[in-house]
Every structure is written in C-alpha cells, then in structure tokens.
N, C-alpha and C. Protein backbone atom coordinates (compact mmCIF):
# COMPACT_ATOMS: atom_id res chain seq x y z
N UNK A 1 0.85 -1.18 0.00
CA UNK A 1 0.00 0.00 0.00
C UNK A 1 0.89 1.24 0.00
N UNK A 2 0.57 2.19 -0.81
CA UNK A 2 1.32 3.42 -0.92
C UNK A 2 0.97 4.34 0.24
N UNK A 3 1.97 5.04 0.78
CA UNK A 3 1.67 5.93 1.90
C UNK A 3 1.03 7.22 1.39
N UNK A 4 0.37 7.99 2.27
CA UNK A 4 -0.36 9.19 1.85
C UNK A 4 0.52 10.24 1.17
N UNK A 5 1.76 10.39 1.61
CA UNK A 5 2.65 11.38 1.01
C UNK A 5 2.91 11.05 -0.46
N UNK A 6 3.14 9.75 -0.74
CA UNK A 6 3.37 9.32 -2.12
C UNK A 6 2.11 9.51 -2.96
N UNK A 7 0.95 9.20 -2.38
CA UNK A 7 -0.31 9.40 -3.12
C UNK A 7 -0.50 10.86 -3.50
N UNK A 8 -0.24 11.76 -2.55
CA UNK A 8 -0.39 13.19 -2.85
C UNK A 8 0.58 13.63 -3.93
N UNK A 9 1.81 13.16 -3.86
CA UNK A 9 2.81 13.54 -4.85
C UNK A 9 2.41 13.04 -6.23
N UNK A 10 1.96 11.78 -6.31
CA UNK A 10 1.56 11.21 -7.60
C UNK A 10 0.32 11.89 -8.15
N UNK A 11 -0.65 12.17 -7.29
CA UNK A 11 -1.89 12.79 -7.75
C UNK A 11 -1.67 14.24 -8.19
N UNK A 12 -0.84 14.96 -7.46
CA UNK A 12 -0.61 16.35 -7.78
C UNK A 12 0.18 16.50 -9.07
N UNK A 13 0.97 15.52 -9.43
CA UNK A 13 1.77 15.58 -10.65
C UNK A 13 0.89 15.61 -11.89
N UNK A 14 -0.29 15.09 -11.81
CA UNK A 14 -1.20 15.10 -12.95
C UNK A 14 -2.12 16.29 -12.77
N UNK A 15 -1.90 17.34 -13.53
CA UNK A 15 -2.55 18.61 -13.24
C UNK A 15 -3.85 18.90 -13.94
N UNK A 16 -4.59 17.92 -14.38
CA UNK A 16 -5.82 18.22 -15.10
C UNK A 16 -6.99 18.40 -14.15
N UNK A 17 -8.09 18.91 -14.72
CA UNK A 17 -9.32 19.14 -13.96
C UNK A 17 -10.41 18.26 -14.54
N UNK A 18 -11.33 17.80 -13.71
CA UNK A 18 -12.39 16.90 -14.13
C UNK A 18 -13.74 17.47 -13.75
N UNK A 19 -14.77 17.00 -14.44
CA UNK A 19 -16.14 17.39 -14.13
C UNK A 19 -16.98 16.13 -14.04
N UNK A 20 -17.94 16.11 -13.10
CA UNK A 20 -18.95 15.06 -13.08
C UNK A 20 -20.31 15.71 -12.92
N UNK A 21 -21.28 15.08 -13.52
CA UNK A 21 -22.65 15.60 -13.42
C UNK A 21 -23.33 14.95 -12.23
N UNK A 22 -23.91 15.77 -11.36
CA UNK A 22 -24.65 15.27 -10.20
C UNK A 22 -26.06 15.81 -10.29
N UNK A 23 -26.91 15.38 -9.38
CA UNK A 23 -28.29 15.85 -9.38
C UNK A 23 -28.36 17.35 -9.12
N UNK A 24 -27.37 17.91 -8.46
CA UNK A 24 -27.37 19.33 -8.16
C UNK A 24 -26.65 20.17 -9.20
N UNK A 25 -26.15 19.58 -10.26
CA UNK A 25 -25.41 20.31 -11.29
C UNK A 25 -24.10 19.62 -11.59
N UNK A 26 -23.14 20.39 -12.09
CA UNK A 26 -21.84 19.86 -12.44
C UNK A 26 -20.83 20.23 -11.37
N UNK A 27 -20.01 19.27 -10.97
CA UNK A 27 -19.00 19.49 -9.94
C UNK A 27 -17.63 19.34 -10.59
N UNK A 28 -16.73 20.29 -10.32
CA UNK A 28 -15.37 20.22 -10.84
C UNK A 28 -14.43 19.85 -9.71
N UNK A 29 -13.39 19.10 -10.05
CA UNK A 29 -12.35 18.75 -9.08
C UNK A 29 -11.06 18.50 -9.83
N UNK A 30 -9.97 18.52 -9.10
CA UNK A 30 -8.65 18.32 -9.71
C UNK A 30 -8.07 16.99 -9.23
N UNK A 31 -7.00 16.59 -9.89
CA UNK A 31 -6.30 15.37 -9.49
C UNK A 31 -5.72 15.51 -8.09
N UNK A 32 -5.30 16.72 -7.73
CA UNK A 32 -4.76 16.94 -6.39
C UNK A 32 -5.83 16.70 -5.33
N UNK A 33 -7.06 17.12 -5.61
CA UNK A 33 -8.16 16.89 -4.65
C UNK A 33 -8.45 15.40 -4.52
N UNK A 34 -8.35 14.66 -5.62
CA UNK A 34 -8.51 13.21 -5.55
C UNK A 34 -7.41 12.62 -4.67
N UNK A 35 -6.19 13.09 -4.84
CA UNK A 35 -5.08 12.61 -4.02
C UNK A 35 -5.29 12.88 -2.54
N UNK A 36 -5.80 14.06 -2.22
CA UNK A 36 -6.09 14.38 -0.82
C UNK A 36 -7.16 13.45 -0.26
N UNK A 37 -8.20 13.20 -1.04
CA UNK A 37 -9.28 12.32 -0.58
C UNK A 37 -8.78 10.89 -0.40
N UNK A 38 -7.93 10.43 -1.31
CA UNK A 38 -7.40 9.07 -1.21
C UNK A 38 -6.40 8.93 -0.08
N UNK A 39 -5.63 9.97 0.18
CA UNK A 39 -4.66 9.91 1.27
C UNK A 39 -5.38 9.74 2.60
N UNK A 40 -6.57 10.32 2.74
CA UNK A 40 -7.34 10.18 3.97
C UNK A 40 -7.93 8.80 4.15
N UNK A 41 -7.86 7.96 3.12
CA UNK A 41 -8.42 6.61 3.20
C UNK A 41 -7.73 5.77 4.27
N UNK A 42 -6.49 6.07 4.57
CA UNK A 42 -5.72 5.23 5.47
C UNK A 42 -5.90 5.60 6.94
N UNK A 43 -6.58 6.71 7.22
CA UNK A 43 -6.81 7.13 8.60
C UNK A 43 -8.18 6.66 9.07
N UNK A 44 -8.36 6.64 10.37
CA UNK A 44 -9.68 6.36 10.93
C UNK A 44 -10.59 7.54 10.64
N UNK A 45 -11.75 7.27 10.07
CA UNK A 45 -12.66 8.35 9.72
C UNK A 45 -14.08 7.95 10.07
N UNK A 46 -14.99 8.94 9.94
CA UNK A 46 -16.39 8.66 10.24
C UNK A 46 -17.07 7.89 9.12
N UNK A 47 -16.47 7.85 7.92
CA UNK A 47 -17.04 7.14 6.78
C UNK A 47 -16.69 5.66 6.83
N UNK A 48 -17.51 4.85 6.19
CA UNK A 48 -17.14 3.45 6.01
C UNK A 48 -15.90 3.39 5.14
N UNK A 49 -15.12 2.32 5.25
CA UNK A 49 -13.93 2.23 4.41
C UNK A 49 -14.31 2.22 2.92
N UNK A 50 -13.51 2.87 2.13
CA UNK A 50 -13.72 2.90 0.69
C UNK A 50 -13.33 1.54 0.13
N UNK A 51 -14.20 0.90 -0.65
CA UNK A 51 -13.85 -0.41 -1.22
C UNK A 51 -12.57 -0.32 -2.04
N UNK A 52 -11.79 -1.38 -2.03
CA UNK A 52 -10.52 -1.41 -2.74
C UNK A 52 -10.71 -1.10 -4.23
N UNK A 53 -11.76 -1.63 -4.83
CA UNK A 53 -12.01 -1.38 -6.25
C UNK A 53 -12.25 0.10 -6.54
N UNK A 54 -13.05 0.75 -5.70
CA UNK A 54 -13.33 2.17 -5.87
C UNK A 54 -12.07 3.00 -5.69
N UNK A 55 -11.26 2.62 -4.72
CA UNK A 55 -10.00 3.29 -4.47
C UNK A 55 -9.09 3.20 -5.70
N UNK A 56 -8.97 2.00 -6.26
CA UNK A 56 -8.10 1.80 -7.44
C UNK A 56 -8.63 2.53 -8.67
N UNK A 57 -9.95 2.55 -8.84
CA UNK A 57 -10.54 3.26 -9.99
C UNK A 57 -10.21 4.75 -9.90
N UNK A 58 -10.39 5.35 -8.73
CA UNK A 58 -10.06 6.76 -8.57
C UNK A 58 -8.58 7.02 -8.82
N UNK A 59 -7.76 6.16 -8.30
CA UNK A 59 -6.32 6.33 -8.45
C UNK A 59 -5.90 6.22 -9.91
N UNK A 60 -6.45 5.24 -10.62
CA UNK A 60 -6.05 5.01 -12.01
C UNK A 60 -6.67 6.03 -12.96
N UNK A 61 -7.93 6.35 -12.78
CA UNK A 61 -8.62 7.23 -13.73
C UNK A 61 -8.36 8.71 -13.49
N UNK A 62 -8.33 9.13 -12.24
CA UNK A 62 -8.28 10.56 -11.95
C UNK A 62 -6.97 11.04 -11.34
N UNK A 63 -6.15 10.16 -10.81
CA UNK A 63 -4.85 10.54 -10.28
C UNK A 63 -3.79 9.86 -11.16
N UNK A 64 -2.60 9.76 -10.71
CA UNK A 64 -1.54 9.17 -11.52
C UNK A 64 -1.29 7.73 -11.11
N UNK A 65 -2.27 6.88 -11.33
CA UNK A 65 -2.12 5.47 -11.00
C UNK A 65 -1.08 4.81 -11.88
N UNK A 66 -0.36 3.87 -11.31
CA UNK A 66 0.71 3.19 -12.03
C UNK A 66 0.20 1.92 -12.70
N UNK A 67 1.08 1.25 -13.42
CA UNK A 67 0.75 -0.03 -14.05
C UNK A 67 0.39 -1.07 -12.98
N UNK A 68 1.00 -0.96 -11.81
CA UNK A 68 0.68 -1.87 -10.71
C UNK A 68 -0.76 -1.66 -10.24
N UNK A 69 -1.20 -0.41 -10.21
CA UNK A 69 -2.58 -0.12 -9.82
C UNK A 69 -3.56 -0.67 -10.85
N UNK A 70 -3.22 -0.57 -12.14
CA UNK A 70 -4.08 -1.14 -13.19
C UNK A 70 -4.14 -2.65 -13.05
N UNK A 71 -3.00 -3.28 -12.80
CA UNK A 71 -2.97 -4.74 -12.63
C UNK A 71 -3.79 -5.16 -11.41
N UNK A 72 -3.73 -4.39 -10.34
CA UNK A 72 -4.52 -4.69 -9.15
C UNK A 72 -6.00 -4.53 -9.45
N UNK A 73 -6.37 -3.52 -10.22
CA UNK A 73 -7.76 -3.31 -10.59
C UNK A 73 -8.28 -4.49 -11.43
N UNK A 74 -7.48 -4.96 -12.36
CA UNK A 74 -7.85 -6.13 -13.18
C UNK A 74 -8.02 -7.36 -12.29
N UNK A 75 -7.11 -7.55 -11.34
CA UNK A 75 -7.20 -8.70 -10.42
C UNK A 75 -8.47 -8.62 -9.57
N UNK A 76 -8.79 -7.44 -9.07
CA UNK A 76 -10.00 -7.27 -8.26
C UNK A 76 -11.26 -7.60 -9.07
N UNK A 77 -11.29 -7.15 -10.32
CA UNK A 77 -12.43 -7.46 -11.20
C UNK A 77 -12.55 -8.96 -11.43
N UNK A 78 -11.43 -9.58 -11.74
CA UNK A 78 -11.41 -11.02 -12.06
C UNK A 78 -11.78 -11.86 -10.84
N UNK A 79 -11.26 -11.50 -9.68
CA UNK A 79 -11.45 -12.33 -8.49
C UNK A 79 -12.84 -12.21 -7.88
N UNK A 80 -13.64 -11.25 -8.34
CA UNK A 80 -15.01 -11.14 -7.82
C UNK A 80 -15.84 -12.38 -8.14
N UNK A 81 -15.59 -12.98 -9.29
CA UNK A 81 -16.34 -14.17 -9.71
C UNK A 81 -15.48 -15.42 -9.66
N UNK A 82 -14.55 -15.49 -8.74
CA UNK A 82 -13.64 -16.63 -8.67
C UNK A 82 -14.36 -17.96 -8.44
N UNK A 83 -15.50 -17.92 -7.78
CA UNK A 83 -16.23 -19.16 -7.50
C UNK A 83 -16.81 -19.78 -8.77
N UNK A 84 -16.99 -18.98 -9.83
CA UNK A 84 -17.55 -19.49 -11.07
C UNK A 84 -16.48 -20.05 -12.01
N UNK A 85 -15.23 -19.89 -11.67
CA UNK A 85 -14.12 -20.33 -12.50
C UNK A 85 -13.94 -21.84 -12.34
N UNK A 86 -13.80 -22.54 -13.47
CA UNK A 86 -13.64 -23.99 -13.41
C UNK A 86 -12.22 -24.46 -13.66
N UNK A 87 -11.48 -23.81 -14.55
CA UNK A 87 -10.13 -24.24 -14.88
C UNK A 87 -9.31 -23.07 -15.38
N UNK A 88 -8.10 -23.34 -15.82
CA UNK A 88 -7.21 -22.27 -16.25
C UNK A 88 -7.70 -21.57 -17.51
N UNK A 89 -8.49 -22.24 -18.34
CA UNK A 89 -9.04 -21.60 -19.53
C UNK A 89 -10.02 -20.51 -19.11
N UNK A 90 -10.88 -20.80 -18.14
CA UNK A 90 -11.79 -19.79 -17.60
C UNK A 90 -11.00 -18.63 -17.00
N UNK A 91 -9.94 -18.97 -16.27
CA UNK A 91 -9.10 -17.94 -15.64
C UNK A 91 -8.51 -17.00 -16.69
N UNK A 92 -7.99 -17.57 -17.78
CA UNK A 92 -7.40 -16.76 -18.85
C UNK A 92 -8.46 -15.92 -19.55
N UNK A 93 -9.61 -16.51 -19.83
CA UNK A 93 -10.68 -15.77 -20.51
C UNK A 93 -11.18 -14.62 -19.62
N UNK A 94 -11.35 -14.89 -18.34
CA UNK A 94 -11.81 -13.84 -17.44
C UNK A 94 -10.75 -12.74 -17.28
N UNK A 95 -9.48 -13.12 -17.23
CA UNK A 95 -8.41 -12.14 -17.12
C UNK A 95 -8.38 -11.23 -18.35
N UNK A 96 -8.50 -11.82 -19.53
CA UNK A 96 -8.50 -11.03 -20.76
C UNK A 96 -9.72 -10.11 -20.83
N UNK A 97 -10.88 -10.63 -20.46
CA UNK A 97 -12.10 -9.80 -20.46
C UNK A 97 -11.96 -8.63 -19.50
N UNK A 98 -11.42 -8.87 -18.33
CA UNK A 98 -11.24 -7.80 -17.35
C UNK A 98 -10.23 -6.76 -17.85
N UNK A 99 -9.14 -7.21 -18.45
CA UNK A 99 -8.14 -6.28 -18.98
C UNK A 99 -8.73 -5.42 -20.10
N UNK A 100 -9.51 -6.02 -20.98
CA UNK A 100 -10.14 -5.27 -22.08
C UNK A 100 -11.20 -4.30 -21.54
N UNK A 101 -11.94 -4.72 -20.51
CA UNK A 101 -12.95 -3.84 -19.91
C UNK A 101 -12.28 -2.63 -19.26
N UNK A 102 -11.15 -2.84 -18.58
CA UNK A 102 -10.43 -1.73 -17.97
C UNK A 102 -9.90 -0.79 -19.05
N UNK A 103 -9.39 -1.35 -20.14
CA UNK A 103 -8.90 -0.51 -21.22
C UNK A 103 -10.04 0.32 -21.82
N UNK A 104 -11.18 -0.29 -22.08
CA UNK A 104 -12.33 0.45 -22.61
C UNK A 104 -12.78 1.53 -21.62
N UNK A 105 -12.83 1.19 -20.35
CA UNK A 105 -13.23 2.14 -19.32
C UNK A 105 -12.30 3.36 -19.30
N UNK A 106 -11.00 3.12 -19.40
CA UNK A 106 -10.03 4.20 -19.34
C UNK A 106 -10.06 5.09 -20.59
N UNK A 107 -10.40 4.52 -21.75
CA UNK A 107 -10.37 5.26 -23.00
C UNK A 107 -11.72 5.86 -23.39
N UNK A 108 -12.78 5.56 -22.65
CA UNK A 108 -14.12 5.96 -23.04
C UNK A 108 -14.27 7.48 -23.07
N UNK A 109 -14.90 7.98 -24.13
CA UNK A 109 -15.18 9.41 -24.24
C UNK A 109 -16.62 9.68 -23.78
N UNK A 110 -16.96 10.94 -23.65
CA UNK A 110 -18.29 11.33 -23.17
C UNK A 110 -19.36 10.94 -24.18
N UNK A 111 -20.46 10.43 -23.69
CA UNK A 111 -21.60 10.04 -24.53
C UNK A 111 -22.19 11.28 -25.20
N UNK A 112 -22.33 11.26 -26.53
CA UNK A 112 -22.88 12.44 -27.20
C UNK A 112 -24.39 12.65 -26.95
N UNK A 113 -25.09 11.59 -26.60
CA UNK A 113 -26.55 11.71 -26.41
C UNK A 113 -26.90 12.42 -25.10
N UNK A 114 -26.19 12.09 -24.02
CA UNK A 114 -26.52 12.68 -22.70
C UNK A 114 -25.47 13.66 -22.21
N UNK A 115 -24.41 13.87 -23.00
CA UNK A 115 -23.33 14.78 -22.64
C UNK A 115 -22.66 14.39 -21.32
N UNK A 116 -22.53 13.10 -21.08
CA UNK A 116 -21.85 12.60 -19.89
C UNK A 116 -22.67 12.53 -18.63
N UNK A 117 -23.96 12.83 -18.68
CA UNK A 117 -24.79 12.85 -17.48
C UNK A 117 -25.44 11.51 -17.17
N UNK A 118 -25.57 10.65 -18.17
CA UNK A 118 -26.20 9.35 -17.94
C UNK A 118 -27.72 9.41 -17.95
N UNK A 119 -28.27 10.60 -18.14
CA UNK A 119 -29.72 10.79 -18.17
C UNK A 119 -30.06 11.80 -19.27
N UNK A 120 -31.23 11.63 -19.87
CA UNK A 120 -31.71 12.55 -20.90
C UNK A 120 -33.15 12.94 -20.59
N UNK A 121 -33.58 14.05 -21.18
CA UNK A 121 -34.96 14.50 -21.01
C UNK A 121 -35.83 13.84 -22.08
N UNK A 122 -36.92 13.25 -21.67
CA UNK A 122 -37.91 12.68 -22.58
C UNK A 122 -39.23 13.35 -22.23
N UNK A 123 -39.67 14.25 -23.09
CA UNK A 123 -40.78 15.16 -22.78
C UNK A 123 -40.38 15.96 -21.54
N UNK A 124 -41.07 15.80 -20.44
CA UNK A 124 -40.72 16.52 -19.22
C UNK A 124 -40.13 15.60 -18.15
N UNK A 125 -39.74 14.41 -18.56
CA UNK A 125 -39.20 13.43 -17.61
C UNK A 125 -37.71 13.23 -17.83
N UNK A 126 -36.98 13.03 -16.74
CA UNK A 126 -35.57 12.69 -16.80
C UNK A 126 -35.48 11.17 -16.78
N UNK A 127 -34.96 10.58 -17.87
CA UNK A 127 -34.89 9.12 -18.00
C UNK A 127 -33.44 8.70 -18.23
N UNK A 128 -33.09 7.46 -17.88
CA UNK A 128 -31.73 6.97 -18.13
C UNK A 128 -31.40 6.96 -19.62
N UNK A 129 -30.18 7.30 -19.95
CA UNK A 129 -29.73 7.32 -21.34
C UNK A 129 -29.54 5.88 -21.83
N UNK A 130 -30.20 5.54 -22.92
CA UNK A 130 -30.10 4.18 -23.46
C UNK A 130 -28.85 4.00 -24.32
N UNK A 131 -28.32 5.09 -24.86
CA UNK A 131 -27.14 5.01 -25.72
C UNK A 131 -25.93 4.50 -24.93
N UNK A 132 -25.73 5.06 -23.74
CA UNK A 132 -24.56 4.69 -22.94
C UNK A 132 -24.90 3.78 -21.76
N UNK A 133 -26.15 3.36 -21.64
CA UNK A 133 -26.59 2.49 -20.55
C UNK A 133 -26.33 3.14 -19.19
N UNK A 134 -26.64 4.43 -19.08
CA UNK A 134 -26.56 5.23 -17.85
C UNK A 134 -25.14 5.48 -17.35
N UNK A 135 -24.10 5.21 -18.16
CA UNK A 135 -22.72 5.41 -17.70
C UNK A 135 -22.20 6.81 -17.98
N UNK A 136 -22.76 7.49 -18.98
CA UNK A 136 -22.27 8.80 -19.36
C UNK A 136 -21.10 8.75 -20.32
N UNK A 137 -20.69 7.55 -20.70
CA UNK A 137 -19.56 7.39 -21.60
C UNK A 137 -19.97 6.66 -22.87
N UNK A 138 -19.39 7.04 -23.98
CA UNK A 138 -19.69 6.42 -25.27
C UNK A 138 -19.14 5.01 -25.29
N UNK A 139 -20.01 4.01 -25.47
CA UNK A 139 -19.53 2.62 -25.43
C UNK A 139 -18.90 2.20 -26.76
N UNK A 140 -18.05 1.20 -26.68
CA UNK A 140 -17.52 0.58 -27.90
C UNK A 140 -18.62 -0.27 -28.52
N UNK A 141 -18.47 -0.56 -29.78
CA UNK A 141 -19.42 -1.45 -30.44
C UNK A 141 -19.13 -2.88 -30.02
N UNK A 142 -20.11 -3.75 -30.22
CA UNK A 142 -19.92 -5.17 -29.91
C UNK A 142 -18.81 -5.75 -30.77
N UNK A 143 -18.71 -5.30 -32.01
CA UNK A 143 -17.64 -5.77 -32.90
C UNK A 143 -16.26 -5.39 -32.39
N UNK A 144 -16.12 -4.16 -31.91
CA UNK A 144 -14.82 -3.72 -31.37
C UNK A 144 -14.47 -4.50 -30.11
N UNK A 145 -15.47 -4.78 -29.29
CA UNK A 145 -15.21 -5.58 -28.08
C UNK A 145 -14.80 -7.00 -28.44
N UNK A 146 -15.48 -7.58 -29.41
CA UNK A 146 -15.15 -8.95 -29.85
C UNK A 146 -13.74 -8.99 -30.42
N UNK A 147 -13.37 -8.00 -31.22
CA UNK A 147 -12.01 -7.96 -31.78
C UNK A 147 -10.97 -7.83 -30.68
N UNK A 148 -11.25 -7.00 -29.66
CA UNK A 148 -10.30 -6.83 -28.55
C UNK A 148 -10.08 -8.15 -27.81
N UNK A 149 -11.11 -8.96 -27.74
CA UNK A 149 -10.99 -10.26 -27.07
C UNK A 149 -10.48 -11.37 -28.00
N UNK A 150 -10.41 -11.06 -29.29
CA UNK A 150 -9.95 -12.07 -30.25
C UNK A 150 -11.01 -13.10 -30.56
N UNK A 151 -12.28 -12.71 -30.48
CA UNK A 151 -13.39 -13.62 -30.73
C UNK A 151 -14.16 -13.20 -31.97
N UNK A 152 -14.75 -14.15 -32.68
CA UNK A 152 -15.67 -13.77 -33.75
C UNK A 152 -16.91 -13.12 -33.13
N UNK A 153 -17.51 -12.20 -33.85
CA UNK A 153 -18.68 -11.48 -33.34
C UNK A 153 -19.80 -12.44 -32.97
N UNK A 154 -19.99 -13.50 -33.75
CA UNK A 154 -21.06 -14.46 -33.48
C UNK A 154 -20.84 -15.19 -32.15
N UNK A 155 -19.60 -15.40 -31.78
CA UNK A 155 -19.29 -16.07 -30.51
C UNK A 155 -19.47 -15.12 -29.32
N UNK A 156 -19.23 -13.83 -29.56
CA UNK A 156 -19.28 -12.85 -28.48
C UNK A 156 -20.69 -12.33 -28.25
N UNK A 157 -21.37 -11.92 -29.31
CA UNK A 157 -22.63 -11.20 -29.21
C UNK A 157 -23.74 -12.04 -28.59
N UNK A 158 -24.38 -11.49 -27.55
CA UNK A 158 -25.50 -12.11 -26.84
C UNK A 158 -25.17 -13.51 -26.30
N UNK A 159 -23.96 -13.67 -25.86
CA UNK A 159 -23.49 -14.94 -25.30
C UNK A 159 -22.85 -14.67 -23.94
N UNK A 160 -22.41 -15.71 -23.26
CA UNK A 160 -21.79 -15.51 -21.94
C UNK A 160 -20.58 -14.58 -21.96
N UNK A 161 -19.83 -14.56 -23.06
CA UNK A 161 -18.66 -13.68 -23.13
C UNK A 161 -19.08 -12.21 -23.05
N UNK A 162 -20.14 -11.83 -23.76
CA UNK A 162 -20.60 -10.45 -23.72
C UNK A 162 -21.21 -10.13 -22.34
N UNK A 163 -21.94 -11.06 -21.79
CA UNK A 163 -22.55 -10.85 -20.48
C UNK A 163 -21.48 -10.60 -19.42
N UNK A 164 -20.44 -11.42 -19.44
CA UNK A 164 -19.35 -11.26 -18.46
C UNK A 164 -18.64 -9.93 -18.67
N UNK A 165 -18.32 -9.61 -19.91
CA UNK A 165 -17.62 -8.38 -20.24
C UNK A 165 -18.42 -7.16 -19.76
N UNK A 166 -19.70 -7.14 -20.07
CA UNK A 166 -20.54 -6.01 -19.67
C UNK A 166 -20.69 -5.91 -18.15
N UNK A 167 -20.70 -7.06 -17.48
CA UNK A 167 -20.79 -7.02 -16.01
C UNK A 167 -19.52 -6.43 -15.40
N UNK A 168 -18.37 -6.70 -16.00
CA UNK A 168 -17.10 -6.13 -15.51
C UNK A 168 -17.06 -4.62 -15.77
N UNK A 169 -17.55 -4.21 -16.92
CA UNK A 169 -17.60 -2.79 -17.23
C UNK A 169 -18.56 -2.07 -16.28
N UNK A 170 -19.70 -2.68 -16.01
CA UNK A 170 -20.66 -2.10 -15.07
C UNK A 170 -20.05 -1.99 -13.67
N UNK A 171 -19.27 -2.98 -13.27
CA UNK A 171 -18.62 -2.95 -11.95
C UNK A 171 -17.65 -1.77 -11.87
N UNK A 172 -16.89 -1.51 -12.94
CA UNK A 172 -15.97 -0.38 -12.95
C UNK A 172 -16.72 0.94 -12.78
N UNK A 173 -17.82 1.10 -13.50
CA UNK A 173 -18.61 2.33 -13.37
C UNK A 173 -19.23 2.44 -11.98
N UNK A 174 -19.62 1.33 -11.40
CA UNK A 174 -20.17 1.33 -10.04
C UNK A 174 -19.10 1.77 -9.04
N UNK A 175 -17.91 1.21 -9.17
CA UNK A 175 -16.81 1.60 -8.28
C UNK A 175 -16.48 3.09 -8.45
N UNK A 176 -16.50 3.56 -9.69
CA UNK A 176 -16.23 4.99 -9.92
C UNK A 176 -17.28 5.84 -9.21
N UNK A 177 -18.52 5.45 -9.31
CA UNK A 177 -19.59 6.20 -8.66
C UNK A 177 -19.40 6.24 -7.15
N UNK A 178 -19.10 5.10 -6.55
CA UNK A 178 -18.86 5.04 -5.10
C UNK A 178 -17.71 5.96 -4.72
N UNK A 179 -16.62 5.85 -5.45
CA UNK A 179 -15.43 6.64 -5.14
C UNK A 179 -15.63 8.12 -5.30
N UNK A 180 -16.30 8.53 -6.39
CA UNK A 180 -16.52 9.96 -6.61
C UNK A 180 -17.45 10.56 -5.58
N UNK A 181 -18.50 9.84 -5.21
CA UNK A 181 -19.41 10.38 -4.20
C UNK A 181 -18.72 10.50 -2.86
N UNK A 182 -17.89 9.51 -2.51
CA UNK A 182 -17.14 9.60 -1.25
C UNK A 182 -16.17 10.76 -1.29
N UNK A 183 -15.50 10.94 -2.43
CA UNK A 183 -14.55 12.02 -2.56
C UNK A 183 -15.25 13.37 -2.42
N UNK A 184 -16.42 13.51 -3.04
CA UNK A 184 -17.16 14.77 -2.94
C UNK A 184 -17.63 15.02 -1.52
N UNK A 185 -17.98 13.96 -0.78
CA UNK A 185 -18.36 14.12 0.63
C UNK A 185 -17.19 14.67 1.43
N UNK A 186 -16.00 14.13 1.18
CA UNK A 186 -14.82 14.56 1.94
C UNK A 186 -14.40 15.98 1.59
N UNK A 187 -14.55 16.35 0.34
CA UNK A 187 -14.09 17.68 -0.09
C UNK A 187 -15.09 18.78 0.20
N UNK A 188 -16.33 18.42 0.51
CA UNK A 188 -17.33 19.46 0.76
C UNK A 188 -17.33 19.90 2.21
C-alpha cells in the first residue's frame, strides 16, 4: 500500500481538472483533490472504508495510477467471480475480459446523447440514457469488443462472453460512482 505522502505527490503531478454531473449540477475537481481524498483513506474516519475497487478506480482514472494499480484493478475485477471459475481456460478468458474492460473504461469518451450525465430528457421526464446504458460514456461497439478479445462477433454477441464483459464494465462504473461520491463528501 502506498503511503499518503506518495499518493499526494503522484496525484498532484497530474494537473488536469475533471467534471462530473450530479443531481445538483456539475462538480469540478482536480487530481490533487482526488489525491487528498485518497490519502485520507488510510486514517480512521467517520465514513465506512472505501472499497478497494473504488480506491483503485479513482487512483487510475483521476490521479496518476501506475501499471501496478491497473494490474490490481484487473485482479480485483477477475477475483469477484472466482467461485464461477472452473479451470485455467476460464481464468485466462476472465483475465482477458477484465483487462479489455479496464482498457475500454479508461479510454471511453463522453456520450454524445446525454453529454456525460447518464440521463436525458424525454418530454418533461428525466430518464436513463439508453445510448450509454446510464454510464455517461460512449460505449464501444460489440464488434470492437469482440475484436479486442480475439473472438468472432457471433461467438461474443448475446453470449456468456458479452454478459461477463458487460458485467465487468458495469462494476468499474459502479466503483467509480462510489469513489466519486465519497470524494465529494470529503471535499465538501
């Protein structure tokens, strides 16, 4: 585990600013603020402990996470379903799916339909965006995902491979949501 001083140094070195859409509007924060929030993770606090996956997602996506942090994130994703693994072939397939999901998650651009909010207006109602499946990010096509995994589209599409891949991607977005809300609580 990295100590808080190292986390702050690594996070501050990446000087960009980020925005997230919340129910109250748009919130801006910097990588340094993420570093401060993550450094506090190691102290006793009034909040529940931040899950390891959420911690790694914040570190990798918004601070200066290293290749070791990415590898740990892939391992955390893969090991969530360890009970369903039968042999080394399953282990390899799950590892590759998790690595590709992390790569897609890291490279995803803002959804053009909802402008990164995950919700759109339908008449006078706010409804979940169907284009990005409520993530706020533009998804890859099924063909691009199948190519990344080295599978024919017919083998990937609407089969267990796609279900597993999408569940790993959803887990990453869930961890991001947990981490960002906790970070905003600490910084407010």
